[in-house]
Amino acid sequence: MRTIARFFTYIAERYLPDAFIFLFFLTLLVFILGMLQGSGPREVLDYWGGGFFDILEFTMQSTLMLVTGFALANTPPVHRALRAFARLPRNEVQILIMTVLVMMVFSWISWGFGLIAGAIVAREMGIVHRGRIHYPLVVAGTYAGFLVWHAGYGGAIPQLIATPGHFLEEQMGVIPVVETIFAPVTLVIVLALAIIIPITVVLMRPRSDEERVDLPEEVLEEEEELTGERTASEASGHTETPASSGAQGPEGLTPEGTVGDKQVEPWSIRVEKSRYVTLVLGMLGLLYLTSYFAGGGALNINIVILTFLVPGLLLIPNTREYLTQITGGASAAYGIIIQFPFYGGIMGIMVGSGLAATIANFFVSISSAGTLPFWAFIGGGLINMFVPSGGGQWAVQGPIMIEAAEGLNADIAKTAMGVAWGDAWTNMVQPFWTLPLLAIAGLGIRAIMGYTAVVLIVSGVVIGAGLLIL
């Protein structure tokens, strides 16, 4: 396993371009394939332009998740808790196992929560155990835990088809989550991945005498800078310092901003250092979340953002400190902001030209009742390389697969989960979802892709076998 990992890492480091360059080549490929479908260049261009702005809302949501999650992680109580948690494992094997399993639990609850919280845990592991671990493998192991997101509570496809009024309800009815997320086949696959993936990651670690790569210096410097600013903010409070003498102005205020012999901060600065602004805003958010969940509200991407925002506001010392942390998170979000719209364009071509439907129909044509969920998984994995969005992929592939399931008398719920597993599976080599994680971890795509390619192979065998046998 270590040898295979070294091979794929060599390939990734030598030949895999930056995520934006990868996006460029993917766009060219889809343009060509779209024209081979029979669409003219102008039509393909229109599909691309029409889809470019289709996921701006999702782009903003992903950016806010990263920024608010980053700020929450750097509040004093959460930062101390994360640092204490990172100190629990005593060796590299324990570190790798813990990061994978923590990410799996977080991602099962919500993909958004998993991506950000898991990345923060990996970052803290890299800081606390600097010099003792191979940091790229820790981050890759964390991302490997993301595999289970579509089989969890936040899974887009199983939650969608369990909702009355979904767009395929007349064709397939409403499928409760007990037949998808909590079906025996899904639970067995999740359990198998929870055992096999940590073992796979551990087996890929460098030998004890081989060089290990630490987290980048700039990440450590950023952490030290944020910690220093946090400490200074906590220490400053409303401290008044002696001022130099000078002529007093109205009400005893000197030109230097002093009253008598004491320094007086401007009102605006005092408000920024006040605890009450963030406390009141956080309490408003907390009351809303309490009301929302008490009324039976479900966890979704917007609620995940609020679950990061609200405790961040409540736990931060003051407004100025919170804005500092938000700025730190925003500086890491550039990859999401610039790249996600281009993926929207790719999705537009895939749907508009009929390319996604052609791929799905091919896998249907070679399926039987027993193998349809497996081929739905393989087809879903291929389509996910071009349409890395669970809901968007289901809109394209779902109607075709459900029609095939009815015609072949196959298990509809299992077929839907085949598509869901395919969507999660090839995320291991699709840069789309790595962007927020790598932004927090401070790494590039080449650093982890060799390891996640191995995870792709291993998990493909596990998931495929589960869908065929169970």
Protein backbone atom coordinates (compact mmCIF):
# COMPACT_ATOMS: atom_id res chain seq x y z
CA MET A 1 0.00 0.00 0.00
CA ARG A 2 2.88 2.33 0.79
CA THR A 3 4.44 1.59 -2.60
CA ILE A 4 1.18 2.23 -4.43
CA ALA A 5 0.74 5.49 -2.54
CA ARG A 6 4.28 6.59 -3.47
CA PHE A 7 3.56 5.85 -7.13
CA PHE A 8 0.34 7.88 -7.22
CA THR A 9 1.95 10.67 -5.21
CA TYR A 10 4.79 10.82 -7.72
CA ILE A 11 2.29 11.00 -10.58
CA ALA A 12 0.25 13.72 -8.82
CA GLU A 13 3.26 15.84 -7.91
CA ARG A 14 4.80 15.55 -11.38
CA TYR A 15 1.80 15.71 -13.69
CA LEU A 16 -1.29 16.92 -11.81
CA PRO A 17 -1.76 20.66 -12.40
CA ASP A 18 -3.16 23.17 -9.94
CA ALA A 19 -6.90 22.85 -9.35
CA PHE A 20 -7.61 25.87 -11.56
CA ILE A 21 -5.55 24.43 -14.44
CA PHE A 22 -7.35 21.10 -13.96
CA LEU A 23 -10.60 23.05 -14.29
CA PHE A 24 -9.34 24.62 -17.53
CA PHE A 25 -8.64 21.25 -19.16
CA LEU A 26 -11.94 19.85 -17.88
CA THR A 27 -13.77 22.77 -19.46
CA LEU A 28 -12.07 22.20 -22.82
CA LEU A 29 -12.89 18.49 -22.68
CA VAL A 30 -16.56 19.11 -21.96
CA PHE A 31 -16.72 21.72 -24.75
CA ILE A 32 -15.43 19.14 -27.23
CA LEU A 33 -17.69 16.34 -25.93
CA GLY A 34 -20.67 18.69 -26.04
CA MET A 35 -20.05 19.38 -29.72
CA LEU A 36 -19.63 15.66 -30.40
CA GLN A 37 -23.12 15.26 -29.00
CA GLY A 38 -24.39 17.20 -32.00
CA SER A 39 -24.52 20.72 -30.56
CA GLY A 40 -22.88 23.52 -32.49
CA PRO A 41 -20.10 25.67 -31.00
CA ARG A 42 -22.52 28.55 -30.41
CA GLU A 43 -24.99 26.27 -28.61
CA VAL A 44 -22.29 24.82 -26.37
CA LEU A 45 -21.08 28.33 -25.58
CA ASP A 46 -24.63 29.31 -24.62
CA TYR A 47 -24.93 26.25 -22.37
CA TRP A 48 -21.66 27.21 -20.70
CA GLY A 49 -22.60 30.84 -20.21
CA GLY A 50 -26.09 29.95 -19.03
CA GLY A 51 -24.75 27.59 -16.38
CA PHE A 52 -21.91 29.85 -15.26
CA PHE A 53 -24.07 31.77 -12.80
CA ASP A 54 -26.40 28.94 -11.81
CA ILE A 55 -24.51 28.07 -8.64
CA LEU A 56 -23.67 31.56 -7.38
CA GLU A 57 -25.93 30.96 -4.37
CA PHE A 58 -24.08 27.76 -3.59
CA THR A 59 -20.75 29.54 -4.09
CA MET A 60 -21.72 32.12 -1.50
CA GLN A 61 -22.97 29.43 0.88
CA SER A 62 -19.71 27.50 0.59
CA THR A 63 -17.70 30.70 1.16
CA LEU A 64 -19.72 31.57 4.26
CA MET A 65 -19.29 28.05 5.62
CA LEU A 66 -15.54 28.33 5.30
CA VAL A 67 -15.33 31.85 6.73
CA THR A 68 -17.69 31.34 9.68
CA GLY A 69 -16.23 27.90 10.45
CA PHE A 70 -12.73 29.34 10.45
CA ALA A 71 -13.79 32.15 12.78
CA LEU A 72 -15.52 29.72 15.16
CA ALA A 73 -12.43 27.52 15.33
CA ASN A 74 -10.34 30.52 16.35
CA THR A 75 -12.54 31.67 19.21
CA PRO A 76 -10.62 31.13 22.47
CA PRO A 77 -12.80 28.30 23.94
CA VAL A 78 -13.07 26.32 20.69
CA HIS A 79 -9.40 26.82 19.89
CA ARG A 80 -8.42 25.50 23.32
CA ALA A 81 -10.79 22.53 22.92
CA LEU A 82 -9.41 21.70 19.47
CA ARG A 83 -5.86 21.96 20.73
CA ALA A 84 -6.71 19.64 23.66
CA PHE A 85 -8.37 17.15 21.30
CA ALA A 86 -5.37 17.22 18.98
CA ARG A 87 -3.15 16.23 21.91
CA LEU A 88 -5.15 13.05 22.64
CA PRO A 89 -3.47 10.77 20.06
CA ARG A 90 0.04 9.71 21.06
CA ASN A 91 1.48 8.51 17.77
CA GLU A 92 1.06 8.83 14.03
CA VAL A 93 -1.20 5.79 13.68
CA GLN A 94 -3.62 7.13 16.27
CA ILE A 95 -3.57 10.57 14.64
CA LEU A 96 -4.45 9.17 11.23
CA ILE A 97 -7.24 6.94 12.54
CA MET A 98 -8.77 9.73 14.61
CA THR A 99 -8.78 12.27 11.79
CA VAL A 100 -10.44 9.84 9.36
CA LEU A 101 -13.12 8.74 11.83
CA VAL A 102 -13.83 12.28 13.07
CA MET A 103 -14.33 13.42 9.48
CA MET A 104 -16.64 10.47 8.80
CA VAL A 105 -18.83 11.32 11.79
CA PHE A 106 -18.93 15.02 10.91
CA SER A 107 -19.64 14.34 7.22
CA TRP A 108 -22.37 11.81 8.03
CA ILE A 109 -24.12 14.57 9.98
CA SER A 110 -23.61 17.22 7.31
CA TRP A 111 -21.22 17.49 4.36
CA GLY A 112 -20.69 21.19 5.03
CA PHE A 113 -19.96 20.67 8.70
CA GLY A 114 -17.64 17.79 7.85
CA LEU A 115 -15.57 19.67 5.27
CA ILE A 116 -14.87 22.65 7.51
CA ALA A 117 -14.72 21.01 10.95
CA GLY A 118 -12.68 18.08 9.62
CA ALA A 119 -10.22 20.44 7.96
CA ILE A 120 -9.80 22.40 11.17
CA VAL A 121 -9.10 19.21 13.13
CA ALA A 122 -6.47 18.18 10.55
CA ARG A 123 -4.87 21.62 10.76
CA GLU A 124 -4.67 21.43 14.55
CA MET A 125 -3.16 17.95 14.32
CA GLY A 126 -0.51 19.37 12.04
CA ILE A 127 0.27 22.21 14.43
CA VAL A 128 0.31 20.20 17.66
CA HIS A 129 2.29 17.25 16.21
CA ARG A 130 4.54 19.23 13.91
CA GLY A 131 7.70 17.28 13.14
CA ARG A 132 6.16 13.92 14.07
CA ILE A 133 3.64 13.31 11.27
CA HIS A 134 3.39 13.41 7.48
CA TYR A 135 0.96 16.31 7.23
CA PRO A 136 -0.21 15.74 3.61
CA LEU A 137 -1.32 12.23 4.55
CA VAL A 138 -3.22 13.57 7.59
CA VAL A 139 -5.09 16.00 5.35
CA ALA A 140 -5.68 13.29 2.72
CA GLY A 141 -6.99 10.97 5.44
CA THR A 142 -9.34 13.68 6.59
CA TYR A 143 -10.69 14.11 3.07
CA ALA A 144 -11.05 10.33 2.76
CA GLY A 145 -13.57 10.51 5.61
CA PHE A 146 -15.74 12.66 3.35
CA LEU A 147 -16.66 9.47 1.44
CA VAL A 148 -19.70 8.75 3.62
CA TRP A 149 -21.44 12.11 3.32
CA HIS A 150 -24.03 11.01 0.76
CA ALA A 151 -25.00 8.02 2.91
CA GLY A 152 -25.62 10.22 5.92
CA TYR A 153 -28.14 12.59 7.41
CA GLY A 154 -27.09 15.39 5.07
CA GLY A 155 -27.12 13.28 1.91
CA ALA A 156 -28.69 15.29 -0.92
CA ILE A 157 -30.30 12.44 -2.87
CA PRO A 158 -31.77 10.36 -0.01
CA GLN A 159 -33.12 13.50 1.68
CA LEU A 160 -34.56 14.81 -1.59
CA ILE A 161 -36.47 11.65 -2.49
CA ALA A 162 -37.78 11.42 1.09
CA THR A 163 -39.38 14.86 0.74
CA PRO A 164 -43.01 14.99 -0.45
CA GLY A 165 -43.35 16.97 -3.65
CA HIS A 166 -39.90 16.16 -5.07
CA PHE A 167 -39.69 16.31 -8.86
CA LEU A 168 -39.73 12.51 -9.35
CA GLU A 169 -42.53 11.77 -6.87
CA GLU A 170 -45.03 10.74 -9.56
CA GLN A 171 -42.49 8.32 -11.03
CA MET A 172 -41.05 6.75 -7.87
CA GLY A 173 -43.09 8.00 -4.94
CA VAL A 174 -41.60 9.17 -1.66
CA ILE A 175 -38.78 6.93 -0.43
CA PRO A 176 -38.27 7.19 3.37
CA VAL A 177 -34.74 7.35 4.74
CA VAL A 178 -35.19 3.94 6.40
CA GLU A 179 -34.93 2.50 2.87
CA THR A 180 -31.89 4.57 1.88
CA ILE A 181 -29.71 6.04 4.66
CA PHE A 182 -30.73 3.44 7.25
CA ALA A 183 -31.11 0.48 4.90
CA PRO A 184 -28.95 -2.52 5.87
CA VAL A 185 -26.89 -2.34 2.66
CA THR A 186 -26.02 1.32 3.30
CA LEU A 187 -25.15 0.77 6.96
CA VAL A 188 -22.95 -2.23 6.13
CA ILE A 189 -21.04 -0.24 3.49
CA VAL A 190 -20.55 2.70 5.88
CA LEU A 191 -19.30 0.35 8.60
CA ALA A 192 -16.95 -1.38 6.16
CA LEU A 193 -15.53 1.98 5.03
CA ALA A 194 -15.10 3.06 8.66
CA ILE A 195 -12.86 0.04 9.19
CA ILE A 196 -11.06 -0.28 5.85
CA ILE A 197 -10.34 3.38 5.01
CA PRO A 198 -8.47 4.19 8.27
CA ILE A 199 -6.43 1.00 7.79
CA THR A 200 -5.67 2.03 4.20
CA VAL A 201 -4.52 5.48 5.29
CA VAL A 202 -2.33 4.04 8.05
CA LEU A 203 -0.70 1.60 5.62
CA MET A 204 0.24 4.49 3.31
CA ARG A 205 2.27 6.35 5.92
CA PRO A 206 6.01 6.74 5.23
CA ARG A 207 8.41 4.37 6.95
CA SER A 208 9.91 5.56 10.21
CA ASP A 209 13.24 6.37 8.52
CA GLU A 210 11.66 8.33 5.66
CA GLU A 211 11.25 12.09 5.56
CA ARG A 212 7.95 13.55 6.74
CA VAL A 213 6.47 16.78 5.44
CA ASP A 214 5.25 19.31 7.99
CA LEU A 215 2.45 21.76 7.51
CA PRO A 216 3.58 24.85 5.56
CA GLU A 217 5.43 27.57 7.44
CA GLU A 218 2.85 30.15 6.39
CA VAL A 219 0.11 28.16 8.12
CA LEU A 220 2.10 28.12 11.33
CA GLU A 221 2.88 31.83 11.00
CA GLU A 222 -0.80 32.58 10.38
CA GLU A 223 -1.74 30.57 13.45
CA GLU A 224 0.81 32.41 15.57
CA GLU A 225 -0.38 35.77 14.23
CA LEU A 226 -4.02 34.98 14.97
CA THR A 227 -3.11 33.67 18.41
CA GLY A 228 -1.10 36.81 19.11
CA GLU A 229 -3.92 39.08 18.00
CA ARG A 230 -6.38 37.09 20.10
CA THR A 231 -4.16 37.39 23.17
CA ALA A 232 -3.61 41.11 22.62
CA SER A 233 -7.34 41.68 22.18
CA GLU A 234 -8.16 39.84 25.39
CA ALA A 235 -5.47 41.70 27.30
CA SER A 236 -6.32 45.17 26.03
CA GLY A 237 -10.00 45.37 26.92
CA HIS A 238 -10.71 48.97 27.87
CA THR A 239 -7.29 49.69 29.33
CA GLU A 240 -6.55 53.36 29.83
CA THR A 241 -2.98 54.51 29.48
CA PRO A 242 -1.25 57.69 30.57
CA ALA A 243 -1.17 60.43 27.96
CA SER A 244 1.20 63.23 27.26
CA SER A 245 0.32 66.67 28.43
CA GLY A 246 -1.38 69.05 26.10
CA ALA A 247 -3.89 71.86 25.92
CA GLN A 248 -7.35 70.71 26.81
CA GLY A 249 -10.26 71.14 24.46
CA PRO A 250 -13.99 71.03 25.17
CA GLU A 251 -14.97 69.13 28.34
CA GLY A 252 -11.33 68.60 29.23
CA LEU A 253 -10.49 66.54 26.09
CA THR A 254 -7.04 67.24 24.74
CA PRO A 255 -6.19 67.09 21.00
CA GLU A 256 -4.47 63.77 21.69
CA GLY A 257 -7.76 62.29 22.97
CA THR A 258 -7.14 62.49 26.73
CA VAL A 259 -9.10 63.60 29.73
CA GLY A 260 -6.77 64.90 32.36
CA ASP A 261 -3.83 62.51 32.43
CA LYS A 262 -5.67 59.43 31.07
CA GLN A 263 -6.02 58.22 27.52
CA VAL A 264 -9.62 57.96 26.31
CA GLU A 265 -10.40 55.85 23.27
CA PRO A 266 -12.88 57.15 20.69
CA TRP A 267 -16.43 55.89 21.14
CA SER A 268 -16.23 53.91 17.90
CA ILE A 269 -13.18 51.99 19.11
CA ARG A 270 -14.81 51.26 22.46
CA VAL A 271 -17.88 49.86 20.69
CA GLU A 272 -15.66 47.63 18.54
CA LYS A 273 -14.04 46.30 21.71
CA SER A 274 -17.37 45.83 23.45
CA ARG A 275 -18.57 42.33 24.24
CA TYR A 276 -22.24 43.24 23.86
CA VAL A 277 -22.45 43.70 20.08
CA THR A 278 -21.46 40.13 19.20
CA LEU A 279 -23.31 38.78 22.25
CA VAL A 280 -26.64 40.34 21.23
CA LEU A 281 -26.28 39.25 17.60
CA GLY A 282 -25.32 35.74 18.70
CA MET A 283 -28.29 35.52 21.04
CA LEU A 284 -30.65 36.51 18.21
CA GLY A 285 -29.22 33.71 16.08
CA LEU A 286 -29.43 31.24 18.96
CA LEU A 287 -33.09 32.06 19.56
CA TYR A 288 -33.82 31.52 15.88
CA LEU A 289 -32.00 28.16 15.79
CA THR A 290 -33.84 27.03 18.93
CA SER A 291 -37.17 27.97 17.38
CA TYR A 292 -36.23 26.34 14.07
CA PHE A 293 -35.26 22.96 15.51
CA ALA A 294 -38.13 23.02 18.03
CA GLY A 295 -40.48 23.37 15.06
CA GLY A 296 -39.04 20.26 13.44
CA GLY A 297 -36.64 21.99 11.06
CA ALA A 298 -34.03 19.84 9.33
CA LEU A 299 -30.32 20.45 8.99
CA ASN A 300 -29.41 22.07 5.67
CA ILE A 301 -26.57 24.15 4.30
CA ASN A 302 -28.00 27.47 5.54
CA ILE A 303 -28.54 26.09 9.03
CA VAL A 304 -24.99 24.72 9.03
CA ILE A 305 -23.74 28.24 8.30
CA LEU A 306 -25.75 29.56 11.23
CA THR A 307 -24.43 26.81 13.50
CA PHE A 308 -20.94 28.14 12.73
CA LEU A 309 -21.89 31.82 12.90
CA VAL A 310 -23.90 31.87 16.14
CA PRO A 311 -21.42 30.20 18.53
CA GLY A 312 -18.64 32.16 16.86
CA LEU A 313 -20.38 35.41 17.81
CA LEU A 314 -21.17 34.18 21.32
CA LEU A 315 -17.67 32.94 22.11
CA ILE A 316 -15.55 35.70 20.58
CA PRO A 317 -14.20 38.41 22.98
CA ASN A 318 -15.35 41.38 20.88
CA THR A 319 -16.36 42.61 17.44
CA ARG A 320 -12.89 43.68 16.41
CA GLU A 321 -11.51 40.20 17.13
CA TYR A 322 -14.36 38.54 15.22
CA LEU A 323 -13.75 40.66 12.15
CA THR A 324 -10.06 39.76 12.33
CA GLN A 325 -10.92 36.07 12.27
CA ILE A 326 -13.45 36.54 9.46
CA THR A 327 -10.77 38.28 7.42
CA GLY A 328 -8.44 35.34 7.97
CA GLY A 329 -11.07 32.91 6.74
CA ALA A 330 -12.01 35.07 3.75
CA SER A 331 -8.43 35.18 2.52
CA ALA A 332 -8.54 31.38 2.20
CA ALA A 333 -11.79 31.33 0.21
CA TYR A 334 -10.45 32.61 -3.10
CA GLY A 335 -10.43 29.13 -4.69
CA ILE A 336 -14.14 28.66 -4.04
CA ILE A 337 -15.05 32.14 -5.25
CA ILE A 338 -13.28 31.92 -8.61
CA GLN A 339 -13.60 28.23 -9.45
CA PHE A 340 -17.16 27.28 -8.52
CA PRO A 341 -18.79 29.41 -11.27
CA PHE A 342 -16.65 27.65 -13.88
CA TYR A 343 -17.98 24.33 -12.61
CA GLY A 344 -21.44 25.81 -13.06
CA GLY A 345 -20.55 26.35 -16.72
CA ILE A 346 -19.39 22.75 -17.07
CA MET A 347 -22.65 21.52 -15.54
CA GLY A 348 -24.56 23.71 -18.00
CA ILE A 349 -22.85 22.00 -20.95
CA MET A 350 -23.34 18.52 -19.49
CA VAL A 351 -27.07 19.06 -19.07
CA GLY A 352 -27.81 21.26 -22.07
CA SER A 353 -25.97 19.13 -24.62
CA GLY A 354 -27.42 15.88 -23.26
CA LEU A 355 -23.94 14.53 -22.49
CA ALA A 356 -24.83 13.53 -18.93
CA ALA A 357 -27.95 11.72 -20.15
CA THR A 358 -25.91 9.86 -22.80
CA ILE A 359 -23.49 8.60 -20.14
CA ALA A 360 -26.34 7.51 -17.87
CA ASN A 361 -28.16 5.74 -20.71
CA PHE A 362 -25.04 3.77 -21.61
CA PHE A 363 -24.80 2.28 -18.13
CA VAL A 364 -28.52 1.51 -18.14
CA SER A 365 -28.12 -0.37 -21.43
CA ILE A 366 -25.65 -2.85 -19.88
CA SER A 367 -27.59 -3.38 -16.63
CA SER A 368 -29.90 -6.03 -15.26
CA ALA A 369 -32.20 -5.89 -12.24
CA GLY A 370 -29.41 -7.14 -9.99
CA THR A 371 -26.61 -5.03 -11.41
CA LEU A 372 -28.43 -1.72 -11.97
CA PRO A 373 -27.45 -0.25 -8.55
CA PHE A 374 -23.81 -1.13 -9.26
CA TRP A 375 -23.83 0.46 -12.73
CA ALA A 376 -25.70 3.46 -11.28
CA PHE A 377 -22.75 3.77 -8.92
CA ILE A 378 -20.17 3.57 -11.73
CA GLY A 379 -22.15 5.96 -13.93
CA GLY A 380 -22.67 8.32 -11.02
CA GLY A 381 -18.95 8.34 -10.34
CA LEU A 382 -18.16 9.24 -13.95
CA ILE A 383 -20.80 11.96 -14.21
CA ASN A 384 -19.64 13.40 -10.87
CA MET A 385 -16.29 14.25 -12.47
CA PHE A 386 -18.16 16.82 -14.58
CA VAL A 387 -21.17 17.60 -12.38
CA PRO A 388 -19.78 17.59 -8.81
CA SER A 389 -23.09 18.38 -7.16
CA GLY A 390 -25.33 15.73 -5.65
CA GLY A 391 -28.60 17.52 -6.32
CA GLY A 392 -27.55 18.63 -9.80
CA GLN A 393 -26.40 15.14 -10.71
CA TRP A 394 -29.66 13.58 -9.53
CA ALA A 395 -31.63 16.01 -11.68
CA VAL A 396 -29.80 14.62 -14.72
CA GLN A 397 -29.23 10.97 -13.85
CA GLY A 398 -32.17 10.32 -11.54
CA PRO A 399 -35.02 10.19 -14.08
CA ILE A 400 -33.06 7.82 -16.33
CA MET A 401 -32.10 5.46 -13.52
CA ILE A 402 -35.55 5.35 -11.96
CA GLU A 403 -37.18 4.63 -15.32
CA ALA A 404 -34.65 1.81 -15.82
CA ALA A 405 -35.30 0.48 -12.31
CA GLU A 406 -39.02 0.29 -13.03
CA GLY A 407 -38.47 -1.38 -16.41
CA LEU A 408 -36.01 -3.94 -14.99
CA ASN A 409 -37.96 -4.40 -11.74
CA ALA A 410 -34.85 -3.37 -9.79
CA ASP A 411 -34.76 -1.97 -6.25
CA ILE A 412 -35.54 1.75 -6.67
CA ALA A 413 -34.14 2.86 -3.30
CA LYS A 414 -30.93 0.88 -3.80
CA THR A 415 -30.54 2.28 -7.31
CA ALA A 416 -30.90 5.83 -5.99
CA MET A 417 -28.25 5.10 -3.37
CA GLY A 418 -26.02 3.71 -6.13
CA VAL A 419 -26.09 7.16 -7.74
CA ALA A 420 -25.45 8.77 -4.34
CA TRP A 421 -22.45 6.53 -3.64
CA GLY A 422 -21.05 7.25 -7.11
CA ASP A 423 -21.31 10.98 -6.45
CA ALA A 424 -19.37 10.63 -3.19
CA TRP A 425 -16.85 8.13 -4.55
CA THR A 426 -15.09 10.10 -7.27
CA ASN A 427 -14.90 13.17 -5.06
CA MET A 428 -11.63 11.57 -4.02
CA VAL A 429 -10.06 12.70 -7.31
CA GLN A 430 -12.34 15.65 -8.16
CA PRO A 431 -10.84 18.96 -6.91
CA PHE A 432 -14.24 20.67 -6.45
CA TRP A 433 -14.80 19.65 -2.83
CA THR A 434 -11.15 19.80 -1.82
CA LEU A 435 -11.06 23.59 -2.21
CA PRO A 436 -12.48 24.60 1.20
CA LEU A 437 -10.57 21.83 2.99
CA LEU A 438 -7.23 22.66 1.36
CA ALA A 439 -7.77 26.36 1.95
CA ILE A 440 -7.90 25.76 5.70
CA ALA A 441 -5.16 23.12 5.68
CA GLY A 442 -2.83 25.34 3.65
CA LEU A 443 -1.96 22.72 1.02
CA GLY A 444 -2.30 22.37 -2.74
CA ILE A 445 -4.17 19.64 -4.56
CA ARG A 446 -0.97 17.82 -5.58
CA ALA A 447 -0.05 17.22 -1.93
CA ILE A 448 -2.99 14.89 -1.26
CA MET A 449 -4.24 13.55 -4.59
CA GLY A 450 -1.79 10.65 -4.73
CA TYR A 451 -3.17 9.33 -1.45
CA THR A 452 -6.83 9.97 -2.27
CA ALA A 453 -6.37 8.12 -5.58
CA VAL A 454 -5.51 5.01 -3.55
CA VAL A 455 -8.58 5.61 -1.38
CA LEU A 456 -10.64 5.86 -4.57
CA ILE A 457 -9.51 2.39 -5.65
CA VAL A 458 -10.03 0.75 -2.26
CA SER A 459 -13.39 2.40 -1.58
CA GLY A 460 -14.60 1.58 -5.09
CA VAL A 461 -14.07 -2.11 -4.40
CA VAL A 462 -15.84 -1.89 -1.04
CA ILE A 463 -18.85 0.11 -2.27
CA GLY A 464 -19.17 -1.79 -5.55
CA ALA A 465 -19.01 -5.16 -3.83
CA GLY A 466 -21.61 -4.02 -1.30
CA LEU A 467 -24.04 -2.93 -4.01
CA LEU A 468 -23.57 -6.19 -5.94
CA ILE A 469 -23.62 -8.65 -3.07
CA LEU A 470 -25.91 -7.23 -0.37
